[in-house]
Protein backbone atom coordinates (compact mmCIF):
# COMPACT_ATOMS: atom_id res chain seq x y z
CA MET A 1 14.41 -28.59 22.67
CA THR A 2 10.79 -28.17 21.62
CA THR A 3 7.98 -26.49 23.48
CA GLY A 4 6.46 -29.91 24.16
CA ALA A 5 9.71 -31.10 25.74
CA LEU A 6 9.87 -28.00 27.93
CA HIS A 7 6.33 -28.60 29.12
CA VAL A 8 7.18 -32.16 30.17
CA LEU A 9 10.17 -30.96 32.20
CA ARG A 10 8.14 -28.39 34.16
CA PRO A 11 6.52 -29.62 37.36
CA GLY A 12 2.81 -29.09 37.92
CA ARG A 13 1.60 -26.68 40.56
CA ALA A 14 1.37 -29.27 43.37
CA ALA A 15 4.74 -30.80 42.43
CA LEU A 16 6.34 -27.34 42.36
CA GLY A 17 5.01 -26.65 45.87
CA ARG A 18 6.52 -29.91 47.12
CA LEU A 19 9.84 -29.17 45.41
CA LEU A 20 9.99 -25.72 46.99
CA LEU A 21 9.14 -27.16 50.41
CA ASP A 22 11.76 -29.91 50.09
CA ALA A 23 14.39 -27.38 48.99
CA GLY A 24 13.63 -25.10 51.94
CA ALA A 25 12.63 -22.28 49.58
CA LEU A 26 9.03 -22.31 50.87
CA SER A 27 8.09 -22.70 54.51
CA PRO A 28 5.04 -24.83 55.37
CA GLU A 29 3.07 -21.84 56.68
CA TRP A 30 3.32 -20.21 53.22
CA LEU A 31 2.02 -23.28 51.36
CA PRO A 32 -1.67 -22.23 51.52
CA VAL A 33 -0.76 -18.83 50.07
CA PHE A 34 1.32 -20.46 47.33
CA ALA A 35 -1.61 -22.73 46.47
CA ALA A 36 -4.15 -19.88 46.48
CA VAL A 37 -2.34 -17.44 44.20
CA ASP A 38 -2.73 -18.00 40.47
CA ARG A 39 0.65 -17.34 38.87
CA ASP A 40 -0.97 -16.58 35.52
CA ASP A 41 -1.76 -13.12 36.90
CA PHE A 42 1.98 -12.40 37.24
CA LEU A 43 3.44 -13.96 34.11
CA PRO A 44 3.67 -12.29 30.71
CA ASP A 45 1.82 -13.78 27.75
CA VAL A 46 5.08 -14.72 26.01
CA ILE A 47 8.43 -15.72 27.52
CA TRP A 48 11.45 -16.40 25.34
CA PRO A 49 14.16 -18.54 26.96
CA TRP A 50 17.68 -17.17 27.44
CA ASP A 51 20.52 -18.96 25.65
CA MET A 52 23.45 -18.69 28.07
CA GLU A 53 25.98 -19.93 25.52
CA HIS A 54 25.12 -17.30 22.91
CA ARG A 55 23.99 -14.67 25.42
CA ALA A 56 20.81 -14.00 23.53
CA TRP A 57 17.09 -14.61 23.74
CA LEU A 58 15.91 -17.62 21.77
CA ASP A 59 13.30 -16.09 19.52
CA ASP A 60 10.66 -18.43 18.15
CA PRO A 61 10.14 -17.39 14.51
CA GLY A 62 6.61 -18.80 14.62
CA ARG A 63 5.57 -16.27 17.26
CA SER A 64 5.21 -12.55 17.23
CA TRP A 65 5.48 -10.00 20.01
CA PRO A 66 2.16 -9.45 21.79
CA VAL A 67 0.43 -6.17 20.99
């Protein structure tokens, strides 16, 4: 799976809020807070996916660890 394919599978911010509401993982009173907080402040610059079959991180050889 390529990075482009992963991006297509990820919901946008509004869609993610709706999915969380529909799943009962986010209550309606928390929706304004969810919408106001920028998740970029909490995510690392680089995230390597976990391969459950091989029990290892999938390292992208085209990337390097952030300094």
